[in-house]
Protein backbone atom coordinates (compact mmCIF):
# COMPACT_ATOMS: atom_id res chain seq x y z
CA MET A 1 -0.03 0.15 0.30
CA ARG A 2 1.58 3.83 -1.28
CA THR A 3 1.45 6.46 1.24
CA LEU A 4 1.06 9.64 0.24
CA THR A 5 2.91 12.59 1.44
CA LEU A 6 2.20 16.14 1.00
CA ASN A 7 6.01 17.60 2.64
CA PRO A 8 7.33 18.50 -0.61
CA VAL A 9 4.18 20.45 -1.48
CA PHE A 10 4.12 21.77 2.45
CA ARG A 11 7.57 23.62 1.81
CA ALA A 12 6.51 25.05 -1.35
CA ASN A 13 3.29 26.72 -0.50
CA ALA A 14 3.93 28.48 2.93
CA GLY A 15 0.56 30.20 4.18
CA LEU A 16 -1.80 27.06 2.56
CA ASP A 17 -1.44 24.96 5.70
CA ARG A 18 -5.54 24.36 6.35
CA VAL A 19 -6.18 23.78 2.73
CA PHE A 20 -3.10 20.87 2.86
CA ASP A 21 -4.44 19.70 6.35
CA LEU A 22 -8.08 18.90 4.72
CA ILE A 23 -6.23 16.99 1.80
CA GLU A 24 -4.38 14.71 3.98
CA ALA A 25 -6.93 13.95 6.48
CA ALA A 26 -9.03 12.66 3.18
CA ALA A 27 -6.52 11.00 1.96
CA GLN A 28 -5.29 9.04 4.98
CA ARG A 29 -9.14 8.78 6.61
CA GLN A 30 -9.43 6.42 9.11
CA GLY A 31 -12.20 3.97 9.64
CA ASP A 32 -14.07 2.58 6.78
CA ASP A 33 -16.89 4.19 4.49
CA PHE A 34 -20.04 3.01 6.20
CA PRO A 35 -22.69 4.19 5.13
CA PRO A 36 -22.22 5.05 1.78
CA PHE A 37 -22.72 8.41 0.29
CA ASP A 38 -23.37 10.55 -2.60
CA SER A 39 -22.60 14.22 -2.61
CA ILE A 40 -24.72 16.50 -5.07
CA ARG A 41 -24.20 19.99 -6.26
CA LEU A 42 -27.85 21.21 -6.78
CA SER A 43 -26.92 25.21 -7.47
CA ASP A 44 -23.78 27.26 -6.77
CA ASN A 45 -24.78 27.61 -3.32
CA ARG A 46 -27.13 24.49 -2.44
CA PHE A 47 -25.79 21.00 -2.24
CA ARG A 48 -27.26 17.87 -1.01
CA LEU A 49 -25.83 14.88 1.00
CA SER A 50 -27.65 11.49 0.22
CA ILE A 51 -26.33 8.56 3.06
CA ALA A 52 -27.44 5.26 2.12
CA VAL A 53 -29.20 3.91 5.38
CA PRO A 54 -31.48 1.24 4.89
CA GLY A 55 -33.56 -0.39 7.59
CA PHE A 56 -33.15 2.67 9.89
CA ARG A 57 -35.90 4.52 10.65
CA GLU A 58 -35.82 8.59 11.78
CA ASP A 59 -36.11 8.32 15.35
CA GLU A 60 -32.61 6.18 14.96
CA VAL A 61 -30.72 8.62 12.80
CA ALA A 62 -29.08 11.57 14.48
CA VAL A 63 -27.79 15.01 12.16
CA THR A 64 -25.47 17.61 13.88
CA GLN A 65 -23.73 20.77 13.24
CA HIS A 66 -21.11 22.00 14.82
CA LYS A 67 -19.18 24.84 13.77
CA ARG A 68 -17.74 23.49 10.22
CA GLU A 69 -18.50 19.67 11.09
CA LEU A 70 -21.38 17.59 10.26
CA ILE A 71 -21.87 14.96 12.46
CA VAL A 72 -24.30 11.82 11.05
CA SER A 73 -24.78 8.71 13.15
CA GLY A 74 -27.46 5.78 13.73
CA GLU A 75 -28.00 2.99 15.98
CA ARG A 76 -31.03 0.68 15.04
CA LYS A 77 -32.92 -0.36 17.51
CA ALA A 78 -32.78 -4.36 18.15
CA ASP A 79 -35.50 -6.31 16.38
CA THR A 80 -38.05 -8.45 18.40
CA GLU A 81 -39.85 -10.36 15.20
CA GLY A 82 -38.16 -13.56 14.40
CA GLU A 83 -34.41 -14.99 14.21
CA TYR A 84 -32.09 -13.85 11.05
CA LEU A 85 -31.20 -16.78 8.85
CA HIS A 86 -28.94 -14.37 6.62
CA GLN A 87 -28.59 -10.76 7.63
CA GLY A 88 -27.39 -9.08 4.25
CA ILE A 89 -28.28 -5.11 5.73
CA PRO A 90 -26.23 -3.92 7.73
CA SER A 91 -27.86 -2.73 11.10
CA ARG A 92 -24.38 -1.66 12.74
CA VAL A 93 -23.61 1.60 15.04
CA PHE A 94 -22.13 4.33 12.41
CA SER A 95 -20.76 8.04 12.93
CA ARG A 96 -19.78 10.02 9.56
CA ARG A 97 -17.74 13.14 9.82
CA PHE A 98 -17.91 15.59 7.11
CA GLN A 99 -16.14 18.92 7.05
CA LEU A 100 -18.26 22.17 5.55
CA ALA A 101 -17.07 24.96 3.61
CA GLU A 102 -17.22 27.98 5.43
CA HIS A 103 -20.75 29.77 5.81
CA THR A 104 -22.47 26.37 4.92
CA GLU A 105 -25.67 25.57 7.00
CA VAL A 106 -27.61 22.20 7.30
CA THR A 107 -31.27 23.25 5.88
CA GLY A 108 -33.49 20.28 6.56
CA ALA A 109 -33.05 16.66 6.76
CA THR A 110 -35.24 14.01 5.10
CA LEU A 111 -35.49 10.02 5.56
CA ALA A 112 -37.09 8.62 2.80
CA HIS A 113 -36.70 5.04 1.12
CA GLY A 114 -33.26 3.95 2.95
CA LEU A 115 -31.91 7.40 1.90
CA LEU A 116 -31.52 10.31 4.51
CA SER A 117 -31.08 13.50 2.75
CA ILE A 118 -29.36 16.34 3.93
CA ASP A 119 -29.93 19.66 2.73
CA LEU A 120 -26.93 22.28 2.82
CA ALA A 121 -26.89 26.02 2.13
CA ARG A 122 -23.86 28.12 1.68
CA GLU A 123 -24.90 31.73 2.19
CA ILE A 124 -21.69 34.26 2.24
CA PRO A 125 -22.81 37.38 4.21
CA GLU A 126 -22.79 40.29 2.21
CA ALA A 127 -19.92 42.02 4.26
CA GLU A 128 -17.42 39.47 2.68
CA LYS A 129 -18.86 39.19 -0.82
CA PRO A 130 -16.33 41.05 -3.55
CA ARG A 131 -17.97 44.35 -4.61
CA THR A 132 -17.01 46.68 -7.35
CA ILE A 133 -15.96 50.00 -6.20
CA PRO A 134 -16.64 52.87 -8.68
CA VAL A 135 -13.89 55.18 -9.95
CA SER A 136 -14.45 58.70 -10.32
CA ILE A 137 -12.20 61.51 -11.24
CA SER A 138 -11.30 63.89 -8.49
CA PRO A 139 -13.25 67.23 -8.97
CA ASP A 140 -9.47 69.09 -8.79
CA ARG A 141 -8.80 67.21 -11.59
CA ALA A 142 -11.58 67.41 -13.92
CA GLU A 143 -9.76 70.16 -16.71
CA PRO A 144 -6.55 68.50 -18.30
CA VAL A 145 -3.61 70.45 -16.53
CA ARG A 146 -2.20 73.61 -18.57
CA GLN A 147 0.79 74.83 -18.27
CA ILE A 148 1.55 78.33 -18.99
CA GLU A 149 4.79 79.04 -20.89
CA GLN A 150 7.38 81.75 -19.73
CA SER A 151 8.80 83.92 -22.98
CA ALA A 152 12.70 83.85 -22.75
CA ALA A 153 13.50 87.51 -21.71
């Protein structure tokens, strides 16, 4: 198995430590990839995470946002009916963490047909949006500068 090291990149790009920390964390993710999920862009500032949670009910799944981290966890309650001859649908406890971009908030979560859909919206405050500053002519520079020539005496 190959190990990804970004040390040469760190040395060449001082000041981008946060970005590279996120890349390295994604490359060396701990644990397994359960449950599987899809990440969908709905528009420039709207996104959806669809997480496969077959057999889970809405009271067995928790969605929590703390600052820039989204935590999705689930634990199925024991079924008291019957005895499994084969159990192919996973029912284990899980916890999945997602790093959210700045100014991204969870706007809703729905569970239908074994998919947990979490809607996200990125709303950048007006004070942080880029704005165009109009350039105008200074009143004392409205007319071209004229130079008076002196005649030689």
